Amino acid sequence: MTDGGALIPRPEKTFPALRAALAQVAPARLAEMAAERDTVFTMATQTDSFGPIAMFRLKWAVVIEIARLPDVARRLRAAERVAQTLDREDPAWRVAMNDIREILDAARAEVSAE
């Protein structure tokens, strides 16, 4: 993934930076992020582990990485629509699933490389 055409620069993976970036590229998902944050922090406290927090940060960094790149976000939405509407036996369903995986893997690699 390249930054060409990015709506915003890639944010740091701090909670304030991720929240601010999400507010710019996908504000409708802020409530989802806040609710998930509360659940994750409860899990982290109960298990005495930072694992849930690390996964939360990675998940939202990936969501933002995709949303900040309009062409990539459109491609993902189109593949998701196909995957949700076609039967799993349809070869186009597999193509869509592969596209979704490719997009998510590329975004994860980008945000993990930093």
PDB file of N, CA and C in Angstrom:
ATOM      1  N   MET A   1       0.857  -1.187   0.000  1.00  0.00           N
ATOM      2  CA  MET A   1       0.000   0.000   0.000  1.00  0.00           C
ATOM      3  C   MET A   1       0.890   1.232   0.000  1.00  0.00           C
ATOM      4  N   THR A   2       0.522   2.183  -0.801  1.00  0.00           N
ATOM      5  CA  THR A   2       1.275   3.423  -0.811  1.00  0.00           C
ATOM      6  C   THR A   2       0.414   4.512  -0.201  1.00  0.00           C
ATOM      7  N   ASP A   3       1.070   5.601   0.198  1.00  0.00           N
ATOM      8  CA  ASP A   3       0.340   6.711   0.797  1.00  0.00           C
ATOM      9  C   ASP A   3      -0.246   7.650  -0.243  1.00  0.00           C
ATOM     10  N   GLY A   4      -0.023   7.393  -1.535  1.00  0.00           N
ATOM     11  CA  GLY A   4      -0.589   8.250  -2.572  1.00  0.00           C
ATOM     12  C   GLY A   4      -2.098   8.306  -2.458  1.00  0.00           C
ATOM     13  N   GLY A   5      -2.627   9.498  -2.353  1.00  0.00           N
ATOM     14  CA  GLY A   5      -4.068   9.661  -2.238  1.00  0.00           C
ATOM     15  C   GLY A   5      -4.623   9.474  -0.842  1.00  0.00           C
ATOM     16  N   ALA A   6      -3.742   9.356   0.156  1.00  0.00           N
ATOM     17  CA  ALA A   6      -4.203   9.173   1.534  1.00  0.00           C
ATOM     18  C   ALA A   6      -4.920  10.428   2.016  1.00  0.00           C
ATOM     19  N   LEU A   7      -6.024  10.195   2.732  1.00  0.00           N
ATOM     20  CA  LEU A   7      -6.785  11.316   3.290  1.00  0.00           C
ATOM     21  C   LEU A   7      -6.040  11.993   4.432  1.00  0.00           C
ATOM     22  N   ILE A   8      -5.333  11.202   5.219  1.00  0.00           N
ATOM     23  CA  ILE A   8      -4.554  11.710   6.356  1.00  0.00           C
ATOM     24  C   ILE A   8      -3.256  10.920   6.427  1.00  0.00           C
ATOM     25  N   PRO A   9      -2.253  11.447   7.113  1.00  0.00           N
ATOM     26  CA  PRO A   9      -1.033  10.654   7.316  1.00  0.00           C
ATOM     27  C   PRO A   9      -1.335   9.460   8.224  1.00  0.00           C
ATOM     28  N   ARG A  10      -0.509   8.440   8.139  1.00  0.00           N
ATOM     29  CA  ARG A  10      -0.673   7.278   9.011  1.00  0.00           C
ATOM     30  C   ARG A  10      -0.429   7.738  10.453  1.00  0.00           C
ATOM     31  N   PRO A  11      -1.375   7.477  11.348  1.00  0.00           N
ATOM     32  CA  PRO A  11      -1.212   7.937  12.728  1.00  0.00           C
ATOM     33  C   PRO A  11      -0.279   7.030  13.527  1.00  0.00           C
ATOM     34  N   GLU A  12       0.208   7.572  14.624  1.00  0.00           N
ATOM     35  CA  GLU A  12       0.926   6.745  15.589  1.00  0.00           C
ATOM     36  C   GLU A  12      -0.091   5.772  16.180  1.00  0.00           C
ATOM     37  N   LYS A  13       0.390   4.723  16.822  1.00  0.00           N
ATOM     38  CA  LYS A  13      -0.531   3.731  17.382  1.00  0.00           C
ATOM     39  C   LYS A  13      -0.838   3.999  18.857  1.00  0.00           C
ATOM     40  N   THR A  14      -0.891   5.269  19.221  1.00  0.00           N
ATOM     41  CA  THR A  14      -1.335   5.616  20.561  1.00  0.00           C
ATOM     42  C   THR A  14      -2.855   5.745  20.531  1.00  0.00           C
ATOM     43  N   PHE A  15      -3.501   5.557  21.674  1.00  0.00           N
ATOM     44  CA  PHE A  15      -4.958   5.650  21.697  1.00  0.00           C
ATOM     45  C   PHE A  15      -5.451   7.021  21.241  1.00  0.00           C
ATOM     46  N   PRO A  16      -4.866   8.114  21.727  1.00  0.00           N
ATOM     47  CA  PRO A  16      -5.358   9.422  21.252  1.00  0.00           C
ATOM     48  C   PRO A  16      -5.170   9.616  19.749  1.00  0.00           C
ATOM     49  N   ALA A  17      -4.028   9.173  19.217  1.00  0.00           N
ATOM     50  CA  ALA A  17      -3.772   9.341  17.778  1.00  0.00           C
ATOM     51  C   ALA A  17      -4.726   8.482  16.954  1.00  0.00           C
ATOM     52  N   LEU A  18      -4.959   7.246  17.377  1.00  0.00           N
ATOM     53  CA  LEU A  18      -5.886   6.378  16.652  1.00  0.00           C
ATOM     54  C   LEU A  18      -7.304   6.934  16.699  1.00  0.00           C
ATOM     55  N   ARG A  19      -7.733   7.400  17.854  1.00  0.00           N
ATOM     56  CA  ARG A  19      -9.082   7.970  17.992  1.00  0.00           C
ATOM     57  C   ARG A  19      -9.231   9.208  17.109  1.00  0.00           C
ATOM     58  N   ALA A  20      -8.226  10.082  17.109  1.00  0.00           N
ATOM     59  CA  ALA A  20      -8.277  11.295  16.286  1.00  0.00           C
ATOM     60  C   ALA A  20      -8.307  10.941  14.796  1.00  0.00           C
ATOM     61  N   ALA A  21      -7.527   9.958  14.397  1.00  0.00           N
ATOM     62  CA  ALA A  21      -7.508   9.540  12.991  1.00  0.00           C
ATOM     63  C   ALA A  21      -8.849   8.931  12.597  1.00  0.00           C
ATOM     64  N   LEU A  22      -9.403   8.086  13.462  1.00  0.00           N
ATOM     65  CA  LEU A  22     -10.698   7.479  13.165  1.00  0.00           C
ATOM     66  C   LEU A  22     -11.774   8.553  13.034  1.00  0.00           C
ATOM     67  N   ALA A  23     -11.705   9.573  13.867  1.00  0.00           N
ATOM     68  CA  ALA A  23     -12.673  10.674  13.794  1.00  0.00           C
ATOM     69  C   ALA A  23     -12.616  11.365  12.432  1.00  0.00           C
ATOM     70  N   GLN A  24     -11.470  11.329  11.791  1.00  0.00           N
ATOM     71  CA  GLN A  24     -11.329  11.966  10.477  1.00  0.00           C
ATOM     72  C   GLN A  24     -11.760  11.058   9.332  1.00  0.00           C
ATOM     73  N   VAL A  25     -11.437   9.771   9.411  1.00  0.00           N
ATOM     74  CA  VAL A  25     -11.683   8.890   8.259  1.00  0.00           C
ATOM     75  C   VAL A  25     -12.921   8.007   8.387  1.00  0.00           C
ATOM     76  N   ALA A  26     -13.395   7.772   9.611  1.00  0.00           N
ATOM     77  CA  ALA A  26     -14.578   6.914   9.805  1.00  0.00           C
ATOM     78  C   ALA A  26     -15.266   7.282  11.117  1.00  0.00           C
ATOM     79  N   PRO A  27     -15.762   8.519  11.212  1.00  0.00           N
ATOM     80  CA  PRO A  27     -16.334   8.975  12.479  1.00  0.00           C
ATOM     81  C   PRO A  27     -17.512   8.139  12.980  1.00  0.00           C
ATOM     82  N   ALA A  28     -18.209   7.488  12.087  1.00  0.00           N
ATOM     83  CA  ALA A  28     -19.343   6.651  12.497  1.00  0.00           C
ATOM     84  C   ALA A  28     -18.893   5.452  13.335  1.00  0.00           C
ATOM     85  N   ARG A  29     -17.609   5.149  13.319  1.00  0.00           N
ATOM     86  CA  ARG A  29     -17.107   3.986  14.063  1.00  0.00           C
ATOM     87  C   ARG A  29     -16.522   4.346  15.420  1.00  0.00           C
ATOM     88  N   LEU A  30     -16.581   5.624  15.803  1.00  0.00           N
ATOM     89  CA  LEU A  30     -16.012   6.042  17.092  1.00  0.00           C
ATOM     90  C   LEU A  30     -16.686   5.350  18.278  1.00  0.00           C
ATOM     91  N   ALA A  31     -17.995   5.230  18.264  1.00  0.00           N
ATOM     92  CA  ALA A  31     -18.699   4.574  19.374  1.00  0.00           C
ATOM     93  C   ALA A  31     -18.292   3.106  19.472  1.00  0.00           C
ATOM     94  N   GLU A  32     -18.139   2.457  18.318  1.00  0.00           N
ATOM     95  CA  GLU A  32     -17.688   1.056  18.296  1.00  0.00           C
ATOM     96  C   GLU A  32     -16.305   0.933  18.930  1.00  0.00           C
ATOM     97  N   MET A  33     -15.410   1.850  18.576  1.00  0.00           N
ATOM     98  CA  MET A  33     -14.059   1.830  19.120  1.00  0.00           C
ATOM     99  C   MET A  33     -14.090   2.020  20.641  1.00  0.00           C
ATOM    100  N   ALA A  34     -14.881   2.971  21.098  1.00  0.00           N
ATOM    101  CA  ALA A  34     -14.956   3.255  22.541  1.00  0.00           C
ATOM    102  C   ALA A  34     -15.503   2.050  23.302  1.00  0.00           C
ATOM    103  N   ALA A  35     -16.542   1.435  22.790  1.00  0.00           N
ATOM    104  CA  ALA A  35     -17.117   0.267  23.460  1.00  0.00           C
ATOM    105  C   ALA A  35     -16.122  -0.886  23.486  1.00  0.00           C
ATOM    106  N   GLU A  36     -15.441  -1.096  22.391  1.00  0.00           N
ATOM    107  CA  GLU A  36     -14.447  -2.167  22.333  1.00  0.00           C
ATOM    108  C   GLU A  36     -13.283  -1.873  23.274  1.00  0.00           C
ATOM    109  N   ARG A  37     -12.883  -0.617  23.349  1.00  0.00           N
ATOM    110  CA  ARG A  37     -11.797  -0.223  24.257  1.00  0.00           C
ATOM    111  C   ARG A  37     -12.157  -0.585  25.697  1.00  0.00           C
ATOM    112  N   ASP A  38     -13.372  -0.283  26.111  1.00  0.00           N
ATOM    113  CA  ASP A  38     -13.795  -0.603  27.471  1.00  0.00           C
ATOM    114  C   ASP A  38     -13.732  -2.108  27.724  1.00  0.00           C
ATOM    115  N   THR A  39     -14.199  -2.893  26.781  1.00  0.00           N
ATOM    116  CA  THR A  39     -14.170  -4.350  26.910  1.00  0.00           C
ATOM    117  C   THR A  39     -12.737  -4.864  26.984  1.00  0.00           C
ATOM    118  N   VAL A  40     -11.882  -4.331  26.112  1.00  0.00           N
ATOM    119  CA  VAL A  40     -10.485  -4.775  26.045  1.00  0.00           C
ATOM    120  C   VAL A  40      -9.750  -4.431  27.335  1.00  0.00           C
ATOM    121  N   PHE A  41      -9.966  -3.251  27.851  1.00  0.00           N
ATOM    122  CA  PHE A  41      -9.284  -2.875  29.084  1.00  0.00           C
ATOM    123  C   PHE A  41      -9.756  -3.727  30.254  1.00  0.00           C
ATOM    124  N   THR A  42     -11.016  -4.080  30.264  1.00  0.00           N
ATOM    125  CA  THR A  42     -11.524  -4.978  31.304  1.00  0.00           C
ATOM    126  C   THR A  42     -10.854  -6.342  31.182  1.00  0.00           C
ATOM    127  N   MET A  43     -10.771  -6.867  29.963  1.00  0.00           N
ATOM    128  CA  MET A  43     -10.107  -8.158  29.734  1.00  0.00           C
ATOM    129  C   MET A  43      -8.641  -8.101  30.158  1.00  0.00           C
ATOM    130  N   ALA A  44      -7.966  -7.024  29.808  1.00  0.00           N
ATOM    131  CA  ALA A  44      -6.547  -6.889  30.142  1.00  0.00           C
ATOM    132  C   ALA A  44      -6.352  -6.863  31.654  1.00  0.00           C
ATOM    133  N   THR A  45      -7.243  -6.192  32.348  1.00  0.00           N
ATOM    134  CA  THR A  45      -7.161  -6.122  33.801  1.00  0.00           C
ATOM    135  C   THR A  45      -7.429  -7.492  34.424  1.00  0.00           C
ATOM    136  N   GLN A  46      -8.442  -8.162  33.933  1.00  0.00           N
ATOM    137  CA  GLN A  46      -8.811  -9.476  34.476  1.00  0.00           C
ATOM    138  C   GLN A  46      -7.734 -10.531  34.232  1.00  0.00           C
ATOM    139  N   THR A  47      -7.065 -10.450  33.110  1.00  0.00           N
ATOM    140  CA  THR A  47      -6.051 -11.455  32.763  1.00  0.00           C
ATOM    141  C   THR A  47      -4.636 -10.999  33.096  1.00  0.00           C
ATOM    142  N   ASP A  48      -4.503  -9.765  33.543  1.00  0.00           N
ATOM    143  CA  ASP A  48      -3.191  -9.193  33.853  1.00  0.00           C
ATOM    144  C   ASP A  48      -2.251  -9.340  32.659  1.00  0.00           C
ATOM    145  N   SER A  49      -2.781  -8.970  31.466  1.00  0.00           N
ATOM    146  CA  SER A  49      -2.049  -9.130  30.217  1.00  0.00           C
ATOM    147  C   SER A  49      -2.272  -7.916  29.321  1.00  0.00           C
ATOM    148  N   PHE A  50      -1.207  -7.533  28.628  1.00  0.00           N
ATOM    149  CA  PHE A  50      -1.320  -6.442  27.662  1.00  0.00           C
ATOM    150  C   PHE A  50      -1.754  -6.946  26.287  1.00  0.00           C
ATOM    151  N   GLY A  51      -1.879  -8.261  26.122  1.00  0.00           N
ATOM    152  CA  GLY A  51      -2.250  -8.845  24.841  1.00  0.00           C
ATOM    153  C   GLY A  51      -3.523  -8.260  24.238  1.00  0.00           C
ATOM    154  N   PRO A  52      -4.615  -8.180  25.015  1.00  0.00           N
ATOM    155  CA  PRO A  52      -5.843  -7.612  24.448  1.00  0.00           C
ATOM    156  C   PRO A  52      -5.671  -6.169  23.990  1.00  0.00           C
ATOM    157  N   ILE A  53      -4.865  -5.412  24.708  1.00  0.00           N
ATOM    158  CA  ILE A  53      -4.643  -4.009  24.342  1.00  0.00           C
ATOM    159  C   ILE A  53      -3.826  -3.929  23.048  1.00  0.00           C
ATOM    160  N   ALA A  54      -2.828  -4.774  22.928  1.00  0.00           N
ATOM    161  CA  ALA A  54      -2.009  -4.791  21.703  1.00  0.00           C
ATOM    162  C   ALA A  54      -2.859  -5.165  20.492  1.00  0.00           C
ATOM    163  N   MET A  55      -3.743  -6.139  20.662  1.00  0.00           N
ATOM    164  CA  MET A  55      -4.608  -6.548  19.545  1.00  0.00           C
ATOM    165  C   MET A  55      -5.603  -5.437  19.191  1.00  0.00           C
ATOM    166  N   PHE A  56      -6.111  -4.739  20.190  1.00  0.00           N
ATOM    167  CA  PHE A  56      -7.018  -3.606  19.962  1.00  0.00           C
ATOM    168  C   PHE A  56      -6.308  -2.539  19.130  1.00  0.00           C
ATOM    169  N   ARG A  57      -5.105  -2.180  19.542  1.00  0.00           N
ATOM    170  CA  ARG A  57      -4.343  -1.157  18.804  1.00  0.00           C
ATOM    171  C   ARG A  57      -4.092  -1.590  17.371  1.00  0.00           C
ATOM    172  N   LEU A  58      -3.717  -2.856  17.175  1.00  0.00           N
ATOM    173  CA  LEU A  58      -3.449  -3.350  15.820  1.00  0.00           C
ATOM    174  C   LEU A  58      -4.722  -3.347  14.986  1.00  0.00           C
ATOM    175  N   LYS A  59      -5.824  -3.836  15.546  1.00  0.00           N
ATOM    176  CA  LYS A  59      -7.084  -3.869  14.796  1.00  0.00           C
ATOM    177  C   LYS A  59      -7.453  -2.477  14.302  1.00  0.00           C
ATOM    178  N   TRP A  60      -7.428  -1.489  15.202  1.00  0.00           N
ATOM    179  CA  TRP A  60      -7.862  -0.150  14.817  1.00  0.00           C
ATOM    180  C   TRP A  60      -6.855   0.549  13.923  1.00  0.00           C
ATOM    181  N   ALA A  61      -5.573   0.238  14.068  1.00  0.00           N
ATOM    182  CA  ALA A  61      -4.573   0.788  13.146  1.00  0.00           C
ATOM    183  C   ALA A  61      -4.836   0.264  11.733  1.00  0.00           C
ATOM    184  N   VAL A  62      -5.227  -1.011  11.618  1.00  0.00           N
ATOM    185  CA  VAL A  62      -5.552  -1.604  10.315  1.00  0.00           C
ATOM    186  C   VAL A  62      -6.815  -0.967   9.740  1.00  0.00           C
ATOM    187  N   VAL A  63      -7.842  -0.817  10.568  1.00  0.00           N
ATOM    188  CA  VAL A  63      -9.088  -0.176  10.111  1.00  0.00           C
ATOM    189  C   VAL A  63      -8.783   1.210   9.556  1.00  0.00           C
ATOM    190  N   ILE A  64      -7.982   1.966  10.279  1.00  0.00           N
ATOM    191  CA  ILE A  64      -7.645   3.332   9.864  1.00  0.00           C
ATOM    192  C   ILE A  64      -6.758   3.324   8.623  1.00  0.00           C
ATOM    193  N   GLU A  65      -5.817   2.390   8.562  1.00  0.00           N
ATOM    194  CA  GLU A  65      -4.937   2.293   7.380  1.00  0.00           C
ATOM    195  C   GLU A  65      -5.768   2.117   6.115  1.00  0.00           C
ATOM    196  N   ILE A  66      -6.773   1.286   6.184  1.00  0.00           N
ATOM    197  CA  ILE A  66      -7.633   1.061   5.018  1.00  0.00           C
ATOM    198  C   ILE A  66      -8.510   2.279   4.753  1.00  0.00           C
ATOM    199  N   ALA A  67      -9.123   2.819   5.793  1.00  0.00           N
ATOM    200  CA  ALA A  67     -10.057   3.942   5.619  1.00  0.00           C
ATOM    201  C   ALA A  67      -9.375   5.211   5.128  1.00  0.00           C
ATOM    202  N   ARG A  68      -8.090   5.381   5.447  1.00  0.00           N
ATOM    203  CA  ARG A  68      -7.408   6.613   5.031  1.00  0.00           C
ATOM    204  C   ARG A  68      -7.006   6.579   3.553  1.00  0.00           C
ATOM    205  N   LEU A  69      -7.156   5.408   2.925  1.00  0.00           N
ATOM    206  CA  LEU A  69      -6.835   5.232   1.510  1.00  0.00           C
ATOM    207  C   LEU A  69      -8.135   4.921   0.762  1.00  0.00           C
ATOM    208  N   PRO A  70      -8.792   5.939   0.216  1.00  0.00           N
ATOM    209  CA  PRO A  70     -10.128   5.749  -0.376  1.00  0.00           C
ATOM    210  C   PRO A  70     -10.222   4.636  -1.413  1.00  0.00           C
ATOM    211  N   ASP A  71      -9.232   4.481  -2.263  1.00  0.00           N
ATOM    212  CA  ASP A  71      -9.293   3.422  -3.281  1.00  0.00           C
ATOM    213  C   ASP A  71      -9.273   2.041  -2.630  1.00  0.00           C
ATOM    214  N   VAL A  72      -8.460   1.885  -1.608  1.00  0.00           N
ATOM    215  CA  VAL A  72      -8.369   0.604  -0.897  1.00  0.00           C
ATOM    216  C   VAL A  72      -9.678   0.342  -0.150  1.00  0.00           C
ATOM    217  N   ALA A  73     -10.211   1.376   0.495  1.00  0.00           N
ATOM    218  CA  ALA A  73     -11.476   1.226   1.236  1.00  0.00           C
ATOM    219  C   ALA A  73     -12.606   0.824   0.282  1.00  0.00           C
ATOM    220  N   ARG A  74     -12.666   1.426  -0.889  1.00  0.00           N
ATOM    221  CA  ARG A  74     -13.701   1.066  -1.875  1.00  0.00           C
ATOM    222  C   ARG A  74     -13.533  -0.384  -2.333  1.00  0.00           C
ATOM    223  N   ARG A  75     -12.298  -0.765  -2.562  1.00  0.00           N
ATOM    224  CA  ARG A  75     -12.023  -2.134  -2.993  1.00  0.00           C
ATOM    225  C   ARG A  75     -12.456  -3.139  -1.916  1.00  0.00           C
ATOM    226  N   LEU A  76     -12.176  -2.822  -0.665  1.00  0.00           N
ATOM    227  CA  LEU A  76     -12.578  -3.704   0.429  1.00  0.00           C
ATOM    228  C   LEU A  76     -14.095  -3.791   0.528  1.00  0.00           C
ATOM    229  N   ARG A  77     -14.771  -2.654   0.478  1.00  0.00           N
ATOM    230  CA  ARG A  77     -16.245  -2.666   0.565  1.00  0.00           C
ATOM    231  C   ARG A  77     -16.867  -3.484  -0.580  1.00  0.00           C
ATOM    232  N   ALA A  78     -16.316  -3.336  -1.772  1.00  0.00           N
ATOM    233  CA  ALA A  78     -16.841  -4.083  -2.914  1.00  0.00           C
ATOM    234  C   ALA A  78     -16.643  -5.587  -2.713  1.00  0.00           C
ATOM    235  N   ALA A  79     -15.475  -5.978  -2.248  1.00  0.00           N
ATOM    236  CA  ALA A  79     -15.215  -7.401  -2.009  1.00  0.00           C
ATOM    237  C   ALA A  79     -16.098  -7.930  -0.883  1.00  0.00           C
ATOM    238  N   GLU A  80     -16.310  -7.138   0.147  1.00  0.00           N
ATOM    239  CA  GLU A  80     -17.183  -7.557   1.246  1.00  0.00           C
ATOM    240  C   GLU A  80     -18.621  -7.746   0.768  1.00  0.00           C
ATOM    241  N   ARG A  81     -19.085  -6.842  -0.097  1.00  0.00           N
ATOM    242  CA  ARG A  81     -20.446  -6.984  -0.647  1.00  0.00           C
ATOM    243  C   ARG A  81     -20.581  -8.292  -1.419  1.00  0.00           C
ATOM    244  N   VAL A  82     -19.598  -8.587  -2.255  1.00  0.00           N
ATOM    245  CA  VAL A  82     -19.632  -9.824  -3.030  1.00  0.00           C
ATOM    246  C   VAL A  82     -19.626 -11.033  -2.090  1.00  0.00           C
ATOM    247  N   ALA A  83     -18.750 -11.013  -1.099  1.00  0.00           N
ATOM    248  CA  ALA A  83     -18.644 -12.139  -0.172  1.00  0.00           C
ATOM    249  C   ALA A  83     -19.928 -12.352   0.630  1.00  0.00           C
ATOM    250  N   GLN A  84     -20.639 -11.273   0.900  1.00  0.00           N
ATOM    251  CA  GLN A  84     -21.873 -11.374   1.689  1.00  0.00           C
ATOM    252  C   GLN A  84     -23.083 -11.773   0.851  1.00  0.00           C
ATOM    253  N   THR A  85     -23.004 -11.597  -0.453  1.00  0.00           N
ATOM    254  CA  THR A  85     -24.182 -11.851  -1.276  1.00  0.00           C
ATOM    255  C   THR A  85     -24.099 -13.131  -2.104  1.00  0.00           C
ATOM    256  N   LEU A  86     -22.916 -13.592  -2.405  1.00  0.00           N
ATOM    257  CA  LEU A  86     -22.778 -14.787  -3.234  1.00  0.00           C
ATOM    258  C   LEU A  86     -22.728 -16.056  -2.385  1.00  0.00           C
ATOM    259  N   ASP A  87     -23.098 -17.142  -2.994  1.00  0.00           N
ATOM    260  CA  ASP A  87     -22.982 -18.443  -2.361  1.00  0.00           C
ATOM    261  C   ASP A  87     -21.507 -18.831  -2.319  1.00  0.00           C
ATOM    262  N   ARG A  88     -21.111 -19.523  -1.296  1.00  0.00           N
ATOM    263  CA  ARG A  88     -19.709 -19.928  -1.144  1.00  0.00           C
ATOM    264  C   ARG A  88     -19.232 -20.857  -2.257  1.00  0.00           C
ATOM    265  N   GLU A  89     -20.137 -21.447  -2.954  1.00  0.00           N
ATOM    266  CA  GLU A  89     -19.773 -22.327  -4.064  1.00  0.00           C
ATOM    267  C   GLU A  89     -19.439 -21.534  -5.331  1.00  0.00           C
ATOM    268  N   ASP A  90     -19.822 -20.279  -5.372  1.00  0.00           N
ATOM    269  CA  ASP A  90     -19.558 -19.423  -6.531  1.00  0.00           C
ATOM    270  C   ASP A  90     -18.068 -19.058  -6.542  1.00  0.00           C
ATOM    271  N   PRO A  91     -17.362 -19.280  -7.647  1.00  0.00           N
ATOM    272  CA  PRO A  91     -15.936 -18.938  -7.706  1.00  0.00           C
ATOM    273  C   PRO A  91     -15.659 -17.462  -7.392  1.00  0.00           C
ATOM    274  N   ALA A  92     -16.596 -16.582  -7.697  1.00  0.00           N
ATOM    275  CA  ALA A  92     -16.402 -15.157  -7.398  1.00  0.00           C
ATOM    276  C   ALA A  92     -16.362 -14.904  -5.893  1.00  0.00           C
ATOM    277  N   TRP A  93     -17.008 -15.775  -5.123  1.00  0.00           N
ATOM    278  CA  TRP A  93     -16.952 -15.636  -3.661  1.00  0.00           C
ATOM    279  C   TRP A  93     -15.519 -15.835  -3.185  1.00  0.00           C
ATOM    280  N   ARG A  94     -14.849 -16.839  -3.691  1.00  0.00           N
ATOM    281  CA  ARG A  94     -13.452 -17.113  -3.306  1.00  0.00           C
ATOM    282  C   ARG A  94     -12.556 -15.956  -3.732  1.00  0.00           C
ATOM    283  N   VAL A  95     -12.773 -15.409  -4.917  1.00  0.00           N
ATOM    284  CA  VAL A  95     -11.982 -14.264  -5.389  1.00  0.00           C
ATOM    285  C   VAL A  95     -12.162 -13.090  -4.427  1.00  0.00           C
ATOM    286  N   ALA A  96     -13.394 -12.838  -4.031  1.00  0.00           N
ATOM    287  CA  ALA A  96     -13.671 -11.734  -3.096  1.00  0.00           C
ATOM    288  C   ALA A  96     -13.000 -11.978  -1.755  1.00  0.00           C
ATOM    289  N   MET A  97     -13.079 -13.202  -1.256  1.00  0.00           N
ATOM    290  CA  MET A  97     -12.449 -13.519   0.027  1.00  0.00           C
ATOM    291  C   MET A  97     -10.934 -13.356  -0.049  1.00  0.00           C
ATOM    292  N   ASN A  98     -10.356 -13.756  -1.158  1.00  0.00           N
ATOM    293  CA  ASN A  98      -8.906 -13.578  -1.339  1.00  0.00           C
ATOM    294  C   ASN A  98      -8.546 -12.101  -1.378  1.00  0.00           C
ATOM    295  N   ASP A  99      -9.389 -11.293  -2.028  1.00  0.00           N
ATOM    296  CA  ASP A  99      -9.149  -9.857  -2.091  1.00  0.00           C
ATOM    297  C   ASP A  99      -9.222  -9.242  -0.690  1.00  0.00           C
ATOM    298  N   ILE A 100     -10.214  -9.643   0.086  1.00  0.00           N
ATOM    299  CA  ILE A 100     -10.349  -9.146   1.460  1.00  0.00           C
ATOM    300  C   ILE A 100      -9.098  -9.500   2.262  1.00  0.00           C
ATOM    301  N   ARG A 101      -8.685 -10.745   2.185  1.00  0.00           N
ATOM    302  CA  ARG A 101      -7.495 -11.183   2.920  1.00  0.00           C
ATOM    303  C   ARG A 101      -6.260 -10.395   2.490  1.00  0.00           C
ATOM    304  N   GLU A 102      -6.119 -10.195   1.188  1.00  0.00           N
ATOM    305  CA  GLU A 102      -4.965  -9.456   0.669  1.00  0.00           C
ATOM    306  C   GLU A 102      -4.952  -8.019   1.199  1.00  0.00           C
ATOM    307  N   ILE A 103      -6.090  -7.373   1.198  1.00  0.00           N
ATOM    308  CA  ILE A 103      -6.182  -5.993   1.687  1.00  0.00           C
ATOM    309  C   ILE A 103      -5.845  -5.929   3.173  1.00  0.00           C
ATOM    310  N   LEU A 104      -6.440  -6.826   3.955  1.00  0.00           N
ATOM    311  CA  LEU A 104      -6.186  -6.831   5.400  1.00  0.00           C
ATOM    312  C   LEU A 104      -4.729  -7.159   5.706  1.00  0.00           C
ATOM    313  N   ASP A 105      -4.164  -8.128   5.008  1.00  0.00           N
ATOM    314  CA  ASP A 105      -2.761  -8.497   5.235  1.00  0.00           C
ATOM    315  C   ASP A 105      -1.815  -7.352   4.887  1.00  0.00           C
ATOM    316  N   ALA A 106      -2.093  -6.671   3.775  1.00  0.00           N
ATOM    317  CA  ALA A 106      -1.240  -5.547   3.368  1.00  0.00           C
ATOM    318  C   ALA A 106      -1.330  -4.403   4.372  1.00  0.00           C
ATOM    319  N   ALA A 107      -2.532  -4.106   4.839  1.00  0.00           N
ATOM    320  CA  ALA A 107      -2.698  -3.033   5.833  1.00  0.00           C
ATOM    321  C   ALA A 107      -2.001  -3.405   7.137  1.00  0.00           C
ATOM    322  N   ARG A 108      -2.156  -4.657   7.561  1.00  0.00           N
ATOM    323  CA  ARG A 108      -1.509  -5.125   8.800  1.00  0.00           C
ATOM    324  C   ARG A 108       0.009  -5.023   8.667  1.00  0.00           C
ATOM    325  N   ALA A 109       0.538  -5.403   7.510  1.00  0.00           N
ATOM    326  CA  ALA A 109       1.989  -5.328   7.293  1.00  0.00           C
ATOM    327  C   ALA A 109       2.468  -3.882   7.355  1.00  0.00           C
ATOM    328  N   GLU A 110       1.707  -2.968   6.765  1.00  0.00           N
ATOM    329  CA  GLU A 110       2.089  -1.549   6.780  1.00  0.00           C
ATOM    330  C   GLU A 110       2.151  -1.006   8.201  1.00  0.00           C
ATOM    331  N   VAL A 111       1.126  -1.266   8.988  1.00  0.00           N
ATOM    332  CA  VAL A 111       1.090  -0.680  10.338  1.00  0.00           C
ATOM    333  C   VAL A 111       2.005  -1.414  11.293  1.00  0.00           C
ATOM    334  N   SER A 112       2.351  -2.665  10.990  1.00  0.00           N
ATOM    335  CA  SER A 112       3.256  -3.422  11.848  1.00  0.00           C
ATOM    336  C   SER A 112       4.717  -3.103  11.558  1.00  0.00           C
ATOM    337  N   ALA A 113       4.986  -2.570  10.388  1.00  0.00           N
ATOM    338  CA  ALA A 113       6.364  -2.283   9.975  1.00  0.00           C
ATOM    339  C   ALA A 113       6.963  -1.103  10.730  1.00  0.00           C
ATOM    340  N   GLU A 114       6.105  -0.302  11.295  1.00  0.00           N
ATOM    341  CA  GLU A 114       6.614   0.903  11.975  1.00  0.00           C
ATOM    342  C   GLU A 114       7.122   0.594  13.350  1.00  0.00           C
TER     343      GLU A 114
END
